[in-house]
């Protein structure tokens, strides 16, 4: 609605500007003519004739203004008509995607991915519950579950995003697994005994720190991908048309 209102206001400004420009041009031209004529002749007949011409120009300018209004509103009506048609045809698709996303977030949501990053950053751990939620999503992807069958206008962007999320998660699990990581209560944590099995050395310390950095970066990638899927799922027609 804001876009439509802005469009109408823009058209009125454009129309007024063109009308004002046309009238000023006509008056300016006629003023020059009158000045030129008065230099050579001061007769009342010439003055009356030029005033008639000026009035005629004013009427022509008004007619052009009216034609301009008709053209702009015809164009605006066509655009709104096309938008309404697309809205009616595509609206069920957008509604379906939003409902599927809402259902999916009952199993896993953005907070779960954010918590993984925060856990790694603040305490070098990942809650087992969060990994379980991601495992559930990966299971949905592997089985092409209906809950992830979102609809796309041009190509299946969702499938590409979900597959990318799965690949990223596999990279994370290459590190977050026994023996390098182990479950400590309800959390997965680095197994320092494994990292420093040959003693505390610079090489072992670098391996430990690099793995933690990798796990954080991978978790951040997963968070971004999941958020992008959410943005896609919650788009409306106006977002598509405005390339948002």
Protein backbone atom coordinates (compact mmCIF):
# COMPACT_ATOMS: atom_id res chain seq x y z
CA UNK A 1 0.00 0.00 0.00
CA UNK A 2 2.87 2.41 0.78
CA UNK A 3 4.37 1.70 -2.63
CA UNK A 4 1.08 2.44 -4.41
CA UNK A 5 0.58 5.68 -2.44
CA UNK A 6 4.10 6.82 -3.23
CA UNK A 7 3.57 6.05 -6.91
CA UNK A 8 0.38 8.16 -7.05
CA UNK A 9 2.05 11.09 -5.29
CA UNK A 10 5.02 10.84 -7.64
CA UNK A 11 2.73 10.94 -10.69
CA UNK A 12 0.94 14.05 -9.36
CA UNK A 13 4.25 15.83 -8.75
CA UNK A 14 5.47 14.90 -12.23
CA UNK A 15 2.21 16.04 -13.82
CA UNK A 16 2.22 19.36 -11.94
CA UNK A 17 5.84 19.99 -12.84
CA UNK A 18 5.18 19.37 -16.52
CA UNK A 19 2.08 21.57 -16.49
CA UNK A 20 3.90 24.41 -14.74
CA UNK A 21 6.80 24.09 -17.17
CA UNK A 22 4.51 24.13 -20.21
CA UNK A 23 2.60 27.20 -19.03
CA UNK A 24 5.75 29.11 -18.13
CA UNK A 25 7.27 28.28 -21.50
CA UNK A 26 4.18 29.44 -23.35
CA UNK A 27 3.95 32.66 -21.35
CA UNK A 28 7.66 33.29 -21.77
CA UNK A 29 7.51 32.80 -25.52
CA UNK A 30 4.50 35.05 -25.89
CA UNK A 31 6.06 37.74 -23.68
CA UNK A 32 9.09 37.81 -25.94
CA UNK A 33 6.83 38.08 -28.99
CA UNK A 34 4.83 40.91 -27.42
CA UNK A 35 8.00 42.82 -26.53
CA UNK A 36 9.29 42.42 -30.06
CA UNK A 37 6.00 43.52 -31.62
CA UNK A 38 5.66 46.51 -29.31
CA UNK A 39 9.09 47.70 -30.46
CA UNK A 40 7.86 48.02 -34.04
CA UNK A 41 4.19 48.77 -33.49
CA UNK A 42 2.14 50.02 -30.58
CA UNK A 43 -1.24 49.56 -32.26
CA UNK A 44 -4.05 48.16 -30.11
CA UNK A 45 -5.01 45.64 -32.82
CA UNK A 46 -1.66 43.87 -32.57
CA UNK A 47 -1.87 43.77 -28.77
CA UNK A 48 -5.36 42.27 -28.84
CA UNK A 49 -4.25 39.68 -31.39
CA UNK A 50 -1.31 38.57 -29.26
CA UNK A 51 -3.49 38.37 -26.15
CA UNK A 52 -5.82 36.06 -28.06
CA UNK A 53 -2.83 33.95 -29.05
CA UNK A 54 -1.68 33.80 -25.43
CA UNK A 55 -5.13 32.66 -24.31
CA UNK A 56 -5.12 30.01 -27.01
CA UNK A 57 -1.73 28.76 -25.84
CA UNK A 58 -3.07 28.58 -22.30
CA UNK A 59 -6.02 26.45 -23.44
CA UNK A 60 -3.68 24.14 -25.36
CA UNK A 61 -1.52 23.80 -22.26
CA UNK A 62 -4.57 22.85 -20.17
CA UNK A 63 -5.56 20.26 -22.77
CA UNK A 64 -2.05 18.81 -22.71
CA UNK A 65 -2.26 18.69 -18.92
CA UNK A 66 -5.54 16.75 -19.07
CA UNK A 67 -4.11 14.34 -21.65
CA UNK A 68 -1.11 13.81 -19.43
CA UNK A 69 -3.33 12.96 -16.46
CA UNK A 70 -5.28 10.46 -18.55
CA UNK A 71 -2.11 8.77 -19.79
CA UNK A 72 -0.57 8.51 -16.33
CA UNK A 73 -3.69 7.13 -14.71
CA UNK A 74 -4.17 4.67 -17.56
CA UNK A 75 -0.62 3.46 -16.98
CA UNK A 76 -1.14 3.34 -13.22
CA UNK A 77 -4.37 1.39 -13.67
CA UNK A 78 -2.61 -1.13 -15.90
CA UNK A 79 0.21 -1.61 -13.39
CA UNK A 80 -2.21 -2.05 -10.49
CA UNK A 81 -4.29 -4.46 -12.55
CA UNK A 82 -1.27 -6.63 -13.33
CA UNK A 83 -0.22 -6.53 -9.67
CA UNK A 84 -3.71 -7.58 -8.52
CA UNK A 85 -3.73 -10.46 -11.04
CA UNK A 86 -0.32 -11.72 -9.90
CA UNK A 87 -1.35 -11.32 -6.27
CA UNK A 88 -4.42 -13.52 -6.78
CA UNK A 89 -2.48 -16.17 -8.71
CA UNK A 90 0.62 -16.30 -6.52
CA UNK A 91 -0.80 -15.49 -3.10
CA UNK A 92 -1.50 -19.16 -2.18
CA UNK A 93 2.16 -19.97 -2.90
CA UNK A 94 3.43 -17.30 -0.50
CA UNK A 95 0.92 -18.27 2.18
CA UNK A 96 1.94 -21.93 1.90
CA UNK A 97 5.64 -21.07 2.29
CA UNK A 98 4.97 -19.01 5.41
CA UNK A 99 2.93 -21.83 6.96
CA UNK A 100 5.64 -24.40 6.21
CA UNK A 101 8.29 -22.17 7.72
CA UNK A 102 6.22 -21.69 10.86
CA UNK A 103 5.83 -25.47 11.12
CA UNK A 104 9.55 -26.03 10.55
CA UNK A 105 10.50 -23.57 13.29
CA UNK A 106 8.61 -25.77 15.75
CA UNK A 107 11.45 -28.26 15.23
CA UNK A 108 14.38 -25.87 14.83
CA UNK A 109 14.61 -22.08 14.75
CA UNK A 110 17.17 -19.32 14.37
CA UNK A 111 17.76 -19.14 18.13
CA UNK A 112 19.02 -22.73 18.13
CA UNK A 113 21.67 -21.87 15.54
CA UNK A 114 22.58 -18.65 17.33
CA UNK A 115 22.97 -20.52 20.63
CA UNK A 116 25.48 -22.89 19.04
CA UNK A 117 27.64 -19.92 18.04
CA UNK A 118 27.29 -18.30 21.47
CA UNK A 119 28.17 -21.55 23.25
CA UNK A 120 31.34 -22.03 21.22
CA UNK A 121 32.32 -18.38 21.61
CA UNK A 122 31.72 -18.11 25.34
CA UNK A 123 32.50 -21.59 26.70
CA UNK A 124 33.78 -23.91 23.97
CA UNK A 125 30.69 -26.11 24.06
CA UNK A 126 27.61 -27.06 22.03
CA UNK A 127 24.38 -28.11 23.72
CA UNK A 128 23.42 -31.63 22.68
CA UNK A 129 19.80 -30.49 22.35
CA UNK A 130 20.78 -28.00 19.63
CA UNK A 131 22.67 -30.67 17.69
CA UNK A 132 19.66 -32.97 18.01
CA UNK A 133 17.47 -30.27 16.45
CA UNK A 134 19.87 -29.92 13.53
CA UNK A 135 19.96 -33.71 13.14
CA UNK A 136 16.16 -33.61 12.84
CA UNK A 137 16.41 -30.99 10.08
CA UNK A 138 19.04 -33.04 8.23
CA UNK A 139 16.71 -36.02 8.44
CA UNK A 140 13.97 -33.90 6.83
CA UNK A 141 16.39 -32.96 4.05
CA UNK A 142 17.54 -36.53 3.43
CA UNK A 143 13.95 -37.76 3.17
CA UNK A 144 12.69 -34.73 1.24
CA UNK A 145 10.05 -34.28 3.90
CA UNK A 146 6.97 -32.27 3.00
CA UNK A 147 7.84 -29.73 5.68
CA UNK A 148 10.79 -28.47 3.61
CA UNK A 149 9.06 -28.55 0.22
CA UNK A 150 8.82 -24.81 -0.24
CA UNK A 151 7.71 -23.36 -3.57
CA UNK A 152 9.89 -21.02 -5.62
CA UNK A 153 8.90 -18.84 -8.60
CA UNK A 154 11.80 -19.47 -10.95
CA UNK A 155 14.02 -22.23 -9.57
CA UNK A 156 14.14 -24.21 -6.39
CA UNK A 157 16.29 -21.90 -4.31
CA UNK A 158 15.13 -23.65 -1.16
CA UNK A 159 16.51 -27.03 -2.17
CA UNK A 160 19.87 -25.44 -2.93
CA UNK A 161 19.94 -23.70 0.45
CA UNK A 162 18.95 -26.82 2.38
CA UNK A 163 21.62 -28.91 0.62
CA UNK A 164 24.20 -26.23 1.40
CA UNK A 165 23.12 -26.32 5.03
CA UNK A 166 23.55 -30.09 5.11
CA UNK A 167 27.07 -29.89 3.60
CA UNK A 168 28.02 -27.26 6.17
CA UNK A 169 26.71 -29.38 9.02
CA UNK A 170 28.73 -32.38 7.81
CA UNK A 171 31.85 -30.21 7.99
CA UNK A 172 31.00 -29.32 11.58
CA UNK A 173 30.43 -32.95 12.55
CA UNK A 174 33.77 -33.93 11.05
CA UNK A 175 35.25 -32.13 14.05
CA UNK A 176 32.49 -32.33 16.66
CA UNK A 177 32.62 -36.10 17.18
CA UNK A 178 34.47 -38.66 19.23
CA UNK A 179 37.37 -38.65 19.93
CA UNK A 180 38.17 -34.95 19.34
CA UNK A 181 34.93 -33.91 21.05
CA UNK A 182 32.96 -35.79 23.67
CA UNK A 183 29.69 -35.45 25.56
CA UNK A 184 30.07 -33.93 29.00
CA UNK A 185 26.66 -34.07 30.63
CA UNK A 186 24.30 -32.38 28.15
CA UNK A 187 27.04 -30.67 26.18
CA UNK A 188 29.56 -31.52 23.51
CA UNK A 189 33.00 -30.20 24.44
CA UNK A 190 36.52 -30.56 23.06
CA UNK A 191 38.34 -33.57 24.47
CA UNK A 192 41.57 -31.95 25.60
CA UNK A 193 43.08 -35.32 26.47
CA UNK A 194 42.85 -36.26 22.81
CA UNK A 195 44.21 -32.94 21.57
CA UNK A 196 47.13 -33.05 24.01
CA UNK A 197 47.67 -36.81 24.05
CA UNK A 198 51.35 -36.28 23.18
CA UNK A 199 51.73 -33.48 25.71
CA UNK A 200 51.32 -29.70 25.68
CA UNK A 201 53.15 -28.47 22.65
CA UNK A 202 52.79 -25.51 20.36
CA UNK A 203 51.63 -27.78 17.57
CA UNK A 204 48.92 -29.40 19.68
CA UNK A 205 47.82 -26.05 21.04
CA UNK A 206 47.48 -24.65 17.50
CA UNK A 207 45.44 -27.70 16.46
CA UNK A 208 43.11 -27.18 19.41
CA UNK A 209 42.62 -23.46 18.78
CA UNK A 210 42.23 -23.86 15.01
CA UNK A 211 39.55 -26.51 15.44
CA UNK A 212 37.59 -24.28 17.80
CA UNK A 213 37.81 -21.40 15.32
CA UNK A 214 36.68 -23.70 12.50
CA UNK A 215 33.73 -24.99 14.47
CA UNK A 216 32.63 -21.42 15.27
CA UNK A 217 32.97 -20.28 11.64
CA UNK A 218 31.04 -23.30 10.36
CA UNK A 219 28.29 -22.76 12.94
CA UNK A 220 28.07 -19.12 11.83
CA UNK A 221 27.71 -20.23 8.21
CA UNK A 222 24.84 -22.52 9.21
CA UNK A 223 23.14 -19.69 11.07
CA UNK A 224 23.35 -17.40 8.03
CA UNK A 225 22.05 -20.08 5.63
CA UNK A 226 19.11 -20.86 7.92
CA UNK A 227 18.23 -17.17 8.23
CA UNK A 228 18.35 -16.81 4.44
CA UNK A 229 15.88 -19.68 4.08
CA UNK A 230 13.60 -17.92 6.55
CA UNK A 231 13.78 -14.68 4.56
CA UNK A 232 12.89 -16.53 1.37
CA UNK A 233 9.97 -18.32 3.00
CA UNK A 234 8.47 -15.11 4.38
CA UNK A 235 8.62 -13.04 1.20
CA UNK A 236 5.54 -11.49 -0.41
CA UNK A 237 4.91 -10.59 -4.05
CA UNK A 238 5.92 -6.96 -3.49
CA UNK A 239 9.31 -8.15 -2.17
CA UNK A 240 9.87 -10.17 -5.34
CA UNK A 241 8.93 -7.24 -7.59
CA UNK A 242 11.24 -4.89 -5.67
CA UNK A 243 14.08 -7.48 -5.78
CA UNK A 244 14.29 -7.61 -1.99
